[in-house]
């Protein structure tokens, strides 16, 4: 059974940091690129960051470049999103996604709220 389980969300003040985790099971994690998406209230879903299967390449949305870092540990079947200098506009539900040649798996999401 394929599972992607996000954790690490919560309430943080502006300027603070959070680290999201995405634990994978049921498929060959190291063969899949990993993405982090987010959906803010009333907005379209946004692709935040991507990392290749081996971790050698990463891509970021302009809105998070320089503040967020995507990484993965293939030995632990886990992807991460380190979020620094958080802003109110980063408030959203964050989802991880695994993708490989049209095979796509989604996690259930974790809420991140940035507020004072």
N, C-alpha and C. Protein backbone atom coordinates (compact mmCIF):
# COMPACT_ATOMS: atom_id res chain seq x y z
N UNK A 1 0.84 -1.19 0.00
CA UNK A 1 0.00 0.00 0.00
C UNK A 1 0.88 1.24 0.00
N UNK A 2 0.66 2.09 -1.00
CA UNK A 2 1.44 3.31 -1.10
C UNK A 2 0.96 4.33 -0.07
N UNK A 3 1.92 4.92 0.62
CA UNK A 3 1.59 5.97 1.57
C UNK A 3 2.63 7.07 1.54
N UNK A 4 2.15 8.30 1.61
CA UNK A 4 2.99 9.47 1.85
C UNK A 4 2.38 10.19 3.03
N UNK A 5 3.14 10.34 4.09
CA UNK A 5 2.62 10.94 5.31
C UNK A 5 3.45 12.16 5.67
N UNK A 6 2.81 13.33 5.59
CA UNK A 6 3.48 14.58 5.95
C UNK A 6 3.37 14.82 7.45
N UNK A 7 4.34 15.50 7.99
CA UNK A 7 4.32 15.92 9.38
C UNK A 7 5.19 17.16 9.52
N UNK A 8 5.06 17.82 10.68
CA UNK A 8 5.90 18.97 10.97
C UNK A 8 5.23 20.32 10.81
N UNK A 9 3.99 20.32 10.36
CA UNK A 9 3.29 21.59 10.24
C UNK A 9 2.89 22.14 11.60
N UNK A 10 2.37 23.35 11.59
CA UNK A 10 1.94 23.96 12.83
C UNK A 10 1.84 25.45 12.72
N UNK A 11 1.75 26.10 13.87
CA UNK A 11 1.64 27.56 13.96
C UNK A 11 3.01 28.13 14.29
N UNK A 12 3.42 29.12 13.52
CA UNK A 12 4.72 29.75 13.74
C UNK A 12 4.59 31.25 13.50
N UNK A 13 5.39 32.01 14.19
CA UNK A 13 5.37 33.46 14.02
C UNK A 13 6.13 33.86 12.75
N UNK A 14 5.79 35.00 12.19
CA UNK A 14 6.56 35.50 11.03
C UNK A 14 8.04 35.57 11.37
N UNK A 15 8.86 35.14 10.42
CA UNK A 15 10.29 35.08 10.63
C UNK A 15 10.78 33.76 11.20
N UNK A 16 9.86 32.93 11.62
CA UNK A 16 10.22 31.65 12.20
C UNK A 16 10.50 30.58 11.17
N UNK A 17 10.76 29.38 11.67
CA UNK A 17 11.12 28.25 10.80
C UNK A 17 10.30 27.02 11.15
N UNK A 18 10.11 26.19 10.15
CA UNK A 18 9.51 24.86 10.32
C UNK A 18 10.21 23.91 9.38
N UNK A 19 10.21 22.65 9.75
CA UNK A 19 10.72 21.60 8.88
C UNK A 19 9.64 20.56 8.67
N UNK A 20 9.20 20.44 7.43
CA UNK A 20 8.21 19.43 7.09
C UNK A 20 8.91 18.14 6.67
N UNK A 21 8.28 17.03 7.02
CA UNK A 21 8.78 15.72 6.60
C UNK A 21 7.70 15.00 5.81
N UNK A 22 8.12 14.15 4.91
CA UNK A 22 7.21 13.33 4.11
C UNK A 22 7.76 11.91 4.11
N UNK A 23 7.14 11.04 4.87
CA UNK A 23 7.59 9.66 4.99
C UNK A 23 6.86 8.79 3.96
N UNK A 24 7.63 8.08 3.16
CA UNK A 24 7.07 7.29 2.07
C UNK A 24 7.16 5.80 2.36
N UNK A 25 6.19 5.06 1.86
CA UNK A 25 6.22 3.60 1.96
C UNK A 25 5.37 3.01 0.83
N UNK A 26 5.68 1.75 0.51
CA UNK A 26 4.87 1.05 -0.48
C UNK A 26 5.33 1.19 -1.91
N UNK A 27 6.42 1.92 -2.14
CA UNK A 27 6.97 2.06 -3.48
C UNK A 27 8.46 2.34 -3.36
N UNK A 28 9.16 2.29 -4.49
CA UNK A 28 10.61 2.49 -4.48
C UNK A 28 10.90 3.98 -4.46
N UNK A 29 11.01 4.50 -3.28
CA UNK A 29 11.13 5.95 -3.05
C UNK A 29 12.28 6.54 -3.86
N UNK A 30 13.40 5.86 -3.91
CA UNK A 30 14.59 6.41 -4.54
C UNK A 30 14.47 6.55 -6.05
N UNK A 31 13.41 6.00 -6.63
CA UNK A 31 13.20 6.10 -8.07
C UNK A 31 12.28 7.26 -8.46
N UNK A 32 11.77 7.96 -7.49
CA UNK A 32 10.77 8.99 -7.73
C UNK A 32 11.31 10.37 -7.43
N UNK A 33 10.99 11.32 -8.32
CA UNK A 33 11.18 12.72 -7.97
C UNK A 33 10.15 13.08 -6.90
N UNK A 34 10.49 14.02 -6.07
CA UNK A 34 9.59 14.47 -5.01
C UNK A 34 9.30 15.96 -5.16
N UNK A 35 8.06 16.30 -4.91
CA UNK A 35 7.62 17.69 -4.96
C UNK A 35 6.96 18.06 -3.64
N UNK A 36 7.03 19.33 -3.33
CA UNK A 36 6.19 19.93 -2.29
C UNK A 36 5.29 20.95 -2.98
N UNK A 37 4.00 20.82 -2.72
CA UNK A 37 3.00 21.76 -3.20
C UNK A 37 2.35 22.41 -1.99
N UNK A 38 1.65 23.50 -2.24
CA UNK A 38 0.85 24.10 -1.19
C UNK A 38 -0.41 24.70 -1.79
N UNK A 39 -1.44 24.76 -0.96
CA UNK A 39 -2.69 25.41 -1.36
C UNK A 39 -3.12 26.34 -0.23
N UNK A 40 -3.12 27.61 -0.54
CA UNK A 40 -3.57 28.61 0.43
C UNK A 40 -5.07 28.83 0.24
N UNK A 41 -5.74 29.29 1.27
CA UNK A 41 -7.19 29.53 1.18
C UNK A 41 -7.52 30.46 0.02
N UNK A 42 -8.42 30.02 -0.84
CA UNK A 42 -8.87 30.85 -1.94
C UNK A 42 -7.90 30.97 -3.09
N UNK A 43 -6.83 30.18 -3.07
CA UNK A 43 -5.82 30.27 -4.13
C UNK A 43 -5.63 28.93 -4.82
N UNK A 44 -5.01 28.98 -6.00
CA UNK A 44 -4.68 27.76 -6.73
C UNK A 44 -3.54 27.03 -6.04
N UNK A 45 -3.49 25.74 -6.28
CA UNK A 45 -2.37 24.96 -5.78
C UNK A 45 -1.08 25.43 -6.44
N UNK A 46 -0.02 25.51 -5.64
CA UNK A 46 1.26 26.04 -6.11
C UNK A 46 2.36 25.01 -5.91
N UNK A 47 3.15 24.81 -6.95
CA UNK A 47 4.34 23.97 -6.82
C UNK A 47 5.42 24.77 -6.12
N UNK A 48 5.88 24.29 -4.99
CA UNK A 48 6.84 25.02 -4.16
C UNK A 48 8.27 24.61 -4.46
N UNK A 49 8.50 23.29 -4.51
CA UNK A 49 9.88 22.81 -4.70
C UNK A 49 9.87 21.40 -5.26
N UNK A 50 10.95 21.09 -5.98
CA UNK A 50 11.13 19.77 -6.58
C UNK A 50 12.54 19.30 -6.34
N UNK A 51 12.69 18.00 -6.12
CA UNK A 51 14.01 17.39 -6.02
C UNK A 51 14.00 16.11 -6.85
N UNK A 52 15.08 15.90 -7.58
CA UNK A 52 15.18 14.70 -8.41
C UNK A 52 15.35 13.45 -7.56
N UNK A 53 15.22 12.30 -8.20
CA UNK A 53 15.21 11.04 -7.45
C UNK A 53 16.49 10.83 -6.65
N UNK A 54 17.62 11.22 -7.22
CA UNK A 54 18.88 11.06 -6.52
C UNK A 54 19.26 12.22 -5.64
N UNK A 55 18.47 13.28 -5.70
CA UNK A 55 18.73 14.45 -4.87
C UNK A 55 19.73 15.43 -5.45
N UNK A 56 20.17 15.19 -6.67
CA UNK A 56 21.22 16.03 -7.23
C UNK A 56 20.76 17.35 -7.79
N UNK A 57 19.46 17.52 -7.97
CA UNK A 57 18.96 18.75 -8.56
C UNK A 57 17.69 19.18 -7.85
N UNK A 58 17.57 20.48 -7.63
CA UNK A 58 16.39 21.04 -6.97
C UNK A 58 15.91 22.27 -7.73
N UNK A 59 14.62 22.51 -7.63
CA UNK A 59 14.00 23.67 -8.28
C UNK A 59 13.02 24.27 -7.27
N UNK A 60 12.95 25.61 -7.27
CA UNK A 60 12.09 26.31 -6.32
C UNK A 60 11.21 27.34 -7.03
N UNK A 61 10.04 27.54 -6.47
CA UNK A 61 9.21 28.66 -6.90
C UNK A 61 9.90 29.95 -6.50
N UNK A 62 9.70 30.99 -7.29
CA UNK A 62 10.33 32.27 -6.97
C UNK A 62 9.90 32.78 -5.60
N UNK A 63 8.69 32.45 -5.21
CA UNK A 63 8.14 32.96 -3.96
C UNK A 63 8.85 32.40 -2.72
N UNK A 64 9.58 31.29 -2.87
CA UNK A 64 10.23 30.68 -1.71
C UNK A 64 11.75 30.59 -1.88
N UNK A 65 12.25 30.96 -3.04
CA UNK A 65 13.67 30.82 -3.33
C UNK A 65 14.49 31.59 -2.30
N UNK A 66 15.50 30.92 -1.76
CA UNK A 66 16.36 31.55 -0.76
C UNK A 66 15.85 31.39 0.66
N UNK A 67 14.62 30.92 0.82
CA UNK A 67 14.05 30.73 2.17
C UNK A 67 13.75 29.26 2.46
N UNK A 68 13.36 28.51 1.43
CA UNK A 68 13.01 27.09 1.60
C UNK A 68 14.09 26.21 0.99
N UNK A 69 14.27 25.04 1.59
CA UNK A 69 15.22 24.06 1.06
C UNK A 69 14.56 22.69 1.05
N UNK A 70 14.53 22.07 -0.12
CA UNK A 70 14.02 20.71 -0.23
C UNK A 70 15.20 19.74 -0.18
N UNK A 71 15.01 18.61 0.49
CA UNK A 71 16.05 17.60 0.56
C UNK A 71 15.38 16.23 0.70
N UNK A 72 16.18 15.20 0.64
CA UNK A 72 15.65 13.85 0.80
C UNK A 72 16.73 12.95 1.36
N UNK A 73 16.27 11.90 2.04
CA UNK A 73 17.15 10.86 2.54
C UNK A 73 16.59 9.54 2.02
N UNK A 74 17.18 9.03 0.96
CA UNK A 74 16.65 7.83 0.34
C UNK A 74 16.81 6.60 1.22
N UNK A 75 17.75 6.64 2.13
CA UNK A 75 17.91 5.52 3.07
C UNK A 75 16.75 5.47 4.07
N UNK A 76 16.15 6.64 4.32
CA UNK A 76 15.04 6.72 5.27
C UNK A 76 13.69 6.86 4.58
N UNK A 77 13.70 6.86 3.23
CA UNK A 77 12.45 7.01 2.47
C UNK A 77 11.68 8.26 2.90
N UNK A 78 12.40 9.35 3.05
CA UNK A 78 11.80 10.57 3.57
C UNK A 78 12.30 11.79 2.80
N UNK A 79 11.36 12.67 2.50
CA UNK A 79 11.69 13.97 1.92
C UNK A 79 11.40 15.05 2.95
N UNK A 80 12.09 16.17 2.79
CA UNK A 80 11.97 17.26 3.77
C UNK A 80 11.78 18.59 3.06
N UNK A 81 11.18 19.51 3.78
CA UNK A 81 11.12 20.89 3.32
C UNK A 81 11.45 21.77 4.52
N UNK A 82 12.65 22.34 4.50
CA UNK A 82 13.05 23.28 5.53
C UNK A 82 12.58 24.66 5.12
N UNK A 83 11.80 25.29 5.98
CA UNK A 83 11.21 26.59 5.68
C UNK A 83 11.70 27.61 6.69
N UNK A 84 12.44 28.59 6.22
CA UNK A 84 12.99 29.65 7.07
C UNK A 84 12.38 30.99 6.71
N UNK A 85 12.50 31.93 7.63
CA UNK A 85 11.99 33.28 7.41
C UNK A 85 10.56 33.25 6.87
N UNK A 86 9.72 32.52 7.57
CA UNK A 86 8.35 32.35 7.11
C UNK A 86 7.57 33.65 7.15
N UNK A 87 6.68 33.78 6.17
CA UNK A 87 5.85 34.97 6.02
C UNK A 87 4.38 34.55 6.11
N UNK A 88 3.53 35.53 6.36
CA UNK A 88 2.10 35.21 6.47
C UNK A 88 1.57 34.59 5.18
N UNK A 89 2.14 35.00 4.06
CA UNK A 89 1.67 34.45 2.78
C UNK A 89 2.11 33.01 2.54
N UNK A 90 2.91 32.47 3.44
CA UNK A 90 3.27 31.05 3.35
C UNK A 90 2.21 30.16 4.01
N UNK A 91 1.23 30.77 4.66
CA UNK A 91 0.15 30.00 5.27
C UNK A 91 -0.59 29.19 4.22
N UNK A 92 -0.66 27.87 4.42
CA UNK A 92 -1.27 26.98 3.44
C UNK A 92 -1.24 25.56 3.98
N UNK A 93 -1.94 24.70 3.28
CA UNK A 93 -1.77 23.26 3.48
C UNK A 93 -0.67 22.81 2.53
N UNK A 94 0.32 22.13 3.07
CA UNK A 94 1.46 21.67 2.28
C UNK A 94 1.34 20.17 2.03
N UNK A 95 1.56 19.81 0.76
CA UNK A 95 1.43 18.42 0.33
C UNK A 95 2.74 17.96 -0.30
N UNK A 96 3.12 16.73 -0.03
CA UNK A 96 4.21 16.15 -0.79
C UNK A 96 3.64 15.24 -1.87
N UNK A 97 4.41 15.13 -2.94
CA UNK A 97 4.00 14.32 -4.07
C UNK A 97 5.20 13.57 -4.60
N UNK A 98 4.98 12.31 -4.96
CA UNK A 98 6.00 11.49 -5.60
C UNK A 98 5.59 11.29 -7.05
N UNK A 99 6.55 11.40 -7.97
CA UNK A 99 6.21 11.30 -9.39
C UNK A 99 7.30 10.55 -10.15
N UNK A 100 6.84 9.67 -11.03
CA UNK A 100 7.77 8.92 -11.89
C UNK A 100 7.01 8.42 -13.09
N UNK A 101 7.33 8.95 -14.25
CA UNK A 101 6.77 8.48 -15.52
C UNK A 101 5.25 8.32 -15.46
N UNK A 102 4.57 9.31 -14.97
CA UNK A 102 3.12 9.29 -14.94
C UNK A 102 2.52 8.64 -13.70
N UNK A 103 3.33 7.98 -12.93
CA UNK A 103 2.86 7.46 -11.64
C UNK A 103 2.99 8.58 -10.61
N UNK A 104 1.88 8.91 -9.98
CA UNK A 104 1.86 10.04 -9.05
C UNK A 104 1.17 9.62 -7.77
N UNK A 105 1.80 9.94 -6.65
CA UNK A 105 1.22 9.68 -5.34
C UNK A 105 1.24 10.97 -4.53
N UNK A 106 0.18 11.16 -3.76
CA UNK A 106 0.03 12.38 -2.95
C UNK A 106 -0.09 12.02 -1.47
N UNK A 107 0.42 12.91 -0.63
CA UNK A 107 0.17 12.82 0.78
C UNK A 107 -1.13 13.52 1.14
N UNK A 108 -1.48 13.48 2.41
CA UNK A 108 -2.77 14.02 2.86
C UNK A 108 -2.67 15.49 3.23
N UNK A 109 -1.46 16.01 3.36
CA UNK A 109 -1.26 17.42 3.64
C UNK A 109 -1.04 17.71 5.12
N UNK A 110 -0.33 18.80 5.35
CA UNK A 110 -0.12 19.28 6.72
C UNK A 110 -0.27 20.80 6.72
N UNK A 111 -0.95 21.31 7.72
CA UNK A 111 -1.27 22.75 7.77
C UNK A 111 -0.09 23.53 8.33
N UNK A 112 0.26 24.59 7.64
CA UNK A 112 1.25 25.56 8.13
C UNK A 112 0.56 26.91 8.24
N UNK A 113 0.61 27.46 9.43
CA UNK A 113 0.00 28.77 9.67
C UNK A 113 1.07 29.71 10.21
N UNK A 114 1.25 30.83 9.53
CA UNK A 114 2.23 31.83 9.93
C UNK A 114 1.46 33.05 10.41
N UNK A 115 1.54 33.29 11.70
CA UNK A 115 0.76 34.38 12.28
C UNK A 115 1.36 34.80 13.60
N UNK A 116 1.23 36.09 13.89
CA UNK A 116 1.69 36.58 15.19
C UNK A 116 0.55 36.57 16.20
